[in-house]
Amino acid sequence: MVIVRTRFAGVYFAKKVNLDRATGFAKLFDASILWRWQGAATTLELATRGPAQPDRCKAPGAVPTIEVGGVVAITPCSAEAEQRLRAIPVWTAHAE
């Protein structure tokens, strides 16, 4: 799993990423955007330790693939961070 930070499109976590360095576009697989996180000061801390409060984070369900532009950082996640990122409940505006 990786954390992908983009210039204009936000912060994502994904299972896999294919980066085109020439264009700055990346194709992310099994990806979700982190709309809000609690308990990590930076994306680097998200990747190394994960969010300390996954229940206070907002991330919609994952999509199979998405292409994003303006990629400025891709950081591999530790096992601890991956476990905490996967513990974030799915955030949705739809009533279940």
N, C-alpha and C. Protein backbone atom coordinates (compact mmCIF):
# COMPACT_ATOMS: atom_id res chain seq x y z
N MET A 1 0.84 -1.17 0.00
CA MET A 1 0.00 0.00 0.00
C MET A 1 0.89 1.24 0.00
N VAL A 2 0.38 2.30 -0.64
CA VAL A 2 1.12 3.56 -0.71
C VAL A 2 0.18 4.73 -0.41
N ILE A 3 0.78 5.83 0.04
CA ILE A 3 0.10 7.12 0.15
C ILE A 3 0.56 7.93 -1.06
N VAL A 4 -0.41 8.50 -1.78
CA VAL A 4 -0.11 9.32 -2.95
C VAL A 4 -0.61 10.74 -2.68
N ARG A 5 0.31 11.69 -2.72
CA ARG A 5 -0.06 13.11 -2.51
C ARG A 5 -0.01 13.80 -3.86
N THR A 6 -1.08 14.52 -4.17
CA THR A 6 -1.13 15.24 -5.44
C THR A 6 -1.16 16.75 -5.17
N ARG A 7 -0.83 17.50 -6.19
CA ARG A 7 -0.79 18.95 -6.05
C ARG A 7 -2.19 19.53 -5.88
N PHE A 8 -3.16 19.04 -6.66
CA PHE A 8 -4.49 19.64 -6.66
C PHE A 8 -5.63 18.68 -6.34
N ALA A 9 -5.38 17.39 -6.38
CA ALA A 9 -6.47 16.42 -6.26
C ALA A 9 -6.52 15.70 -4.92
N GLY A 10 -5.71 16.09 -3.96
CA GLY A 10 -5.80 15.51 -2.64
C GLY A 10 -4.80 14.41 -2.34
N VAL A 11 -5.11 13.64 -1.30
CA VAL A 11 -4.26 12.57 -0.80
C VAL A 11 -5.04 11.25 -0.91
N TYR A 12 -4.39 10.25 -1.45
CA TYR A 12 -5.02 8.95 -1.68
C TYR A 12 -4.21 7.87 -0.98
N PHE A 13 -4.87 6.75 -0.68
CA PHE A 13 -4.14 5.54 -0.34
C PHE A 13 -4.59 4.47 -1.31
N ALA A 14 -3.63 3.69 -1.78
CA ALA A 14 -3.89 2.72 -2.83
C ALA A 14 -3.05 1.48 -2.63
N LYS A 15 -3.55 0.38 -3.18
CA LYS A 15 -2.83 -0.88 -3.10
C LYS A 15 -1.59 -0.86 -3.99
N LYS A 16 -1.72 -0.23 -5.16
CA LYS A 16 -0.64 -0.21 -6.15
C LYS A 16 -0.74 1.07 -6.96
N VAL A 17 0.39 1.51 -7.51
CA VAL A 17 0.40 2.72 -8.33
C VAL A 17 1.35 2.54 -9.50
N ASN A 18 0.93 3.02 -10.66
CA ASN A 18 1.80 3.10 -11.84
C ASN A 18 1.97 4.56 -12.18
N LEU A 19 3.18 5.09 -12.08
CA LEU A 19 3.45 6.50 -12.31
C LEU A 19 4.07 6.72 -13.67
N ASP A 20 3.56 7.72 -14.40
CA ASP A 20 4.19 8.19 -15.63
C ASP A 20 4.95 9.46 -15.27
N ARG A 21 6.24 9.34 -15.08
CA ARG A 21 7.05 10.48 -14.63
C ARG A 21 7.05 11.64 -15.62
N ALA A 22 6.89 11.34 -16.89
CA ALA A 22 6.91 12.40 -17.91
C ALA A 22 5.70 13.33 -17.78
N THR A 23 4.54 12.78 -17.40
CA THR A 23 3.33 13.58 -17.33
C THR A 23 2.92 13.93 -15.90
N GLY A 24 3.43 13.19 -14.92
CA GLY A 24 3.01 13.39 -13.53
C GLY A 24 1.68 12.75 -13.21
N PHE A 25 1.16 11.94 -14.15
CA PHE A 25 -0.08 11.22 -13.91
C PHE A 25 0.22 9.84 -13.36
N ALA A 26 -0.68 9.36 -12.51
CA ALA A 26 -0.53 8.02 -11.93
C ALA A 26 -1.85 7.30 -12.00
N LYS A 27 -1.77 6.01 -12.27
CA LYS A 27 -2.94 5.14 -12.20
C LYS A 27 -2.87 4.40 -10.88
N LEU A 28 -3.89 4.59 -10.05
CA LEU A 28 -3.95 3.97 -8.74
C LEU A 28 -4.92 2.80 -8.79
N PHE A 29 -4.60 1.75 -8.05
CA PHE A 29 -5.43 0.55 -8.01
C PHE A 29 -5.94 0.33 -6.59
N ASP A 30 -7.24 -0.05 -6.48
CA ASP A 30 -7.87 -0.26 -5.18
C ASP A 30 -7.60 0.96 -4.30
N ALA A 31 -8.07 2.12 -4.78
CA ALA A 31 -7.70 3.41 -4.19
C ALA A 31 -8.88 4.13 -3.56
N SER A 32 -8.57 4.91 -2.54
CA SER A 32 -9.55 5.76 -1.89
C SER A 32 -8.89 7.10 -1.56
N ILE A 33 -9.68 8.16 -1.65
CA ILE A 33 -9.16 9.48 -1.27
C ILE A 33 -9.33 9.66 0.24
N LEU A 34 -8.35 10.27 0.86
CA LEU A 34 -8.46 10.63 2.28
C LEU A 34 -9.02 12.04 2.34
N TRP A 35 -10.31 12.14 2.59
CA TRP A 35 -10.95 13.44 2.61
C TRP A 35 -10.56 14.21 3.88
N ARG A 36 -10.39 13.46 4.98
CA ARG A 36 -9.92 14.06 6.24
C ARG A 36 -9.27 12.97 7.07
N TRP A 37 -8.20 13.33 7.79
CA TRP A 37 -7.61 12.37 8.71
C TRP A 37 -7.30 13.03 10.04
N GLN A 38 -7.27 12.21 11.08
CA GLN A 38 -6.97 12.64 12.45
C GLN A 38 -5.85 11.77 12.99
N GLY A 39 -4.94 12.37 13.70
CA GLY A 39 -3.92 11.60 14.39
C GLY A 39 -2.67 11.32 13.58
N ALA A 40 -2.42 12.13 12.56
CA ALA A 40 -1.16 12.09 11.82
C ALA A 40 -0.89 13.51 11.35
N ALA A 41 0.32 13.99 11.60
CA ALA A 41 0.64 15.38 11.28
C ALA A 41 0.87 15.61 9.78
N THR A 42 1.40 14.60 9.11
CA THR A 42 1.76 14.75 7.70
C THR A 42 1.45 13.46 6.93
N THR A 43 1.58 13.52 5.62
CA THR A 43 1.40 12.31 4.82
C THR A 43 2.52 11.31 5.10
N LEU A 44 3.68 11.79 5.49
CA LEU A 44 4.77 10.87 5.85
C LEU A 44 4.42 10.08 7.11
N GLU A 45 3.80 10.75 8.08
CA GLU A 45 3.38 10.04 9.29
C GLU A 45 2.22 9.08 8.97
N LEU A 46 1.34 9.49 8.05
CA LEU A 46 0.28 8.57 7.62
C LEU A 46 0.87 7.28 7.07
N ALA A 47 1.95 7.40 6.30
CA ALA A 47 2.57 6.23 5.67
C ALA A 47 3.38 5.39 6.66
N THR A 48 3.94 6.00 7.67
CA THR A 48 4.78 5.24 8.60
C THR A 48 3.99 4.69 9.79
N ARG A 49 3.02 5.48 10.31
CA ARG A 49 2.30 5.06 11.51
C ARG A 49 0.80 4.91 11.29
N GLY A 50 0.28 5.53 10.24
CA GLY A 50 -1.16 5.51 10.00
C GLY A 50 -1.85 6.54 10.88
N PRO A 51 -3.14 6.71 10.69
CA PRO A 51 -3.87 7.66 11.54
C PRO A 51 -4.08 7.08 12.94
N ALA A 52 -3.84 7.87 13.96
CA ALA A 52 -4.02 7.40 15.33
C ALA A 52 -5.50 7.23 15.67
N GLN A 53 -6.36 7.92 14.92
CA GLN A 53 -7.80 7.87 15.18
C GLN A 53 -8.56 7.54 13.89
N PRO A 54 -8.47 6.29 13.43
CA PRO A 54 -9.13 5.92 12.17
C PRO A 54 -10.63 6.21 12.17
N ASP A 55 -11.28 6.10 13.32
CA ASP A 55 -12.72 6.34 13.40
C ASP A 55 -13.09 7.80 13.20
N ARG A 56 -12.12 8.71 13.25
CA ARG A 56 -12.38 10.14 13.05
C ARG A 56 -11.93 10.60 11.66
N CYS A 57 -11.51 9.66 10.83
CA CYS A 57 -11.09 9.97 9.46
C CYS A 57 -12.28 9.83 8.52
N LYS A 58 -12.17 10.46 7.35
CA LYS A 58 -13.20 10.34 6.32
C LYS A 58 -12.55 9.89 5.02
N ALA A 59 -13.00 8.72 4.56
CA ALA A 59 -12.54 8.18 3.28
C ALA A 59 -13.68 7.36 2.69
N PRO A 60 -14.09 7.68 1.46
CA PRO A 60 -15.13 6.87 0.84
C PRO A 60 -14.59 5.50 0.49
N GLY A 61 -15.47 4.61 0.08
CA GLY A 61 -15.02 3.28 -0.32
C GLY A 61 -14.05 3.35 -1.49
N ALA A 62 -13.25 2.31 -1.61
CA ALA A 62 -12.23 2.25 -2.66
C ALA A 62 -12.87 2.04 -4.03
N VAL A 63 -12.19 2.57 -5.06
CA VAL A 63 -12.56 2.31 -6.45
C VAL A 63 -11.51 1.39 -7.04
N PRO A 64 -11.87 0.58 -8.03
CA PRO A 64 -10.90 -0.36 -8.60
C PRO A 64 -9.69 0.35 -9.21
N THR A 65 -9.93 1.43 -9.97
CA THR A 65 -8.82 2.22 -10.54
C THR A 65 -9.24 3.68 -10.64
N ILE A 66 -8.24 4.55 -10.59
CA ILE A 66 -8.44 5.98 -10.81
C ILE A 66 -7.12 6.55 -11.32
N GLU A 67 -7.20 7.52 -12.23
CA GLU A 67 -6.01 8.22 -12.69
C GLU A 67 -6.02 9.62 -12.11
N VAL A 68 -4.90 10.02 -11.54
CA VAL A 68 -4.77 11.35 -10.93
C VAL A 68 -3.54 12.04 -11.51
N GLY A 69 -3.61 13.36 -11.57
CA GLY A 69 -2.49 14.15 -12.08
C GLY A 69 -1.84 14.96 -10.97
N GLY A 70 -0.73 15.57 -11.30
CA GLY A 70 -0.03 16.42 -10.34
C GLY A 70 0.55 15.67 -9.17
N VAL A 71 0.99 14.44 -9.40
CA VAL A 71 1.56 13.64 -8.30
C VAL A 71 2.87 14.26 -7.84
N VAL A 72 2.96 14.54 -6.54
CA VAL A 72 4.18 15.13 -5.99
C VAL A 72 4.90 14.19 -5.03
N ALA A 73 4.20 13.16 -4.51
CA ALA A 73 4.86 12.22 -3.60
C ALA A 73 4.11 10.90 -3.58
N ILE A 74 4.89 9.82 -3.57
CA ILE A 74 4.37 8.47 -3.39
C ILE A 74 5.20 7.84 -2.28
N THR A 75 4.55 7.48 -1.18
CA THR A 75 5.25 6.96 -0.02
C THR A 75 4.72 5.57 0.34
N PRO A 76 5.58 4.56 0.35
CA PRO A 76 5.14 3.22 0.75
C PRO A 76 4.69 3.22 2.22
N CYS A 77 3.69 2.43 2.52
CA CYS A 77 3.15 2.34 3.88
C CYS A 77 3.78 1.18 4.64
N SER A 78 3.94 1.39 5.92
CA SER A 78 4.35 0.31 6.81
C SER A 78 3.15 -0.61 7.04
N ALA A 79 3.40 -1.79 7.60
CA ALA A 79 2.31 -2.72 7.93
C ALA A 79 1.36 -2.09 8.95
N GLU A 80 1.92 -1.37 9.92
CA GLU A 80 1.10 -0.71 10.94
C GLU A 80 0.19 0.34 10.30
N ALA A 81 0.74 1.15 9.40
CA ALA A 81 -0.05 2.19 8.74
C ALA A 81 -1.15 1.56 7.88
N GLU A 82 -0.82 0.50 7.14
CA GLU A 82 -1.81 -0.16 6.31
C GLU A 82 -2.96 -0.69 7.15
N GLN A 83 -2.67 -1.28 8.28
CA GLN A 83 -3.71 -1.80 9.16
C GLN A 83 -4.63 -0.68 9.64
N ARG A 84 -4.05 0.45 10.02
CA ARG A 84 -4.86 1.57 10.51
C ARG A 84 -5.65 2.23 9.38
N LEU A 85 -5.06 2.34 8.18
CA LEU A 85 -5.79 2.91 7.05
C LEU A 85 -6.98 2.03 6.67
N ARG A 86 -6.80 0.73 6.72
CA ARG A 86 -7.89 -0.19 6.40
C ARG A 86 -8.98 -0.17 7.47
N ALA A 87 -8.68 0.35 8.66
CA ALA A 87 -9.66 0.43 9.74
C ALA A 87 -10.56 1.66 9.63
N ILE A 88 -10.28 2.55 8.67
CA ILE A 88 -11.12 3.74 8.49
C ILE A 88 -12.49 3.29 7.97
N PRO A 89 -13.56 3.68 8.66
CA PRO A 89 -14.88 3.29 8.18
C PRO A 89 -15.20 3.99 6.85
N VAL A 90 -16.00 3.34 6.02
CA VAL A 90 -16.39 3.93 4.73
C VAL A 90 -17.31 5.11 5.00
N TRP A 91 -16.96 6.24 4.42
CA TRP A 91 -17.73 7.47 4.58
C TRP A 91 -18.56 7.67 3.32
N THR A 92 -19.85 7.88 3.49
CA THR A 92 -20.73 8.07 2.34
C THR A 92 -21.88 9.01 2.71
N ALA A 93 -22.42 9.67 1.71
CA ALA A 93 -23.58 10.51 1.91
C ALA A 93 -24.88 9.75 1.68
N HIS A 94 -24.76 8.51 1.19
CA HIS A 94 -25.95 7.69 0.91
C HIS A 94 -26.40 6.97 2.18
N ALA A 95 -27.68 6.95 2.38
CA ALA A 95 -28.25 6.18 3.50
C ALA A 95 -28.14 4.70 3.16
N GLU A 96 -27.73 3.92 4.10
CA GLU A 96 -27.60 2.48 3.87
C GLU A 96 -28.88 1.76 4.19
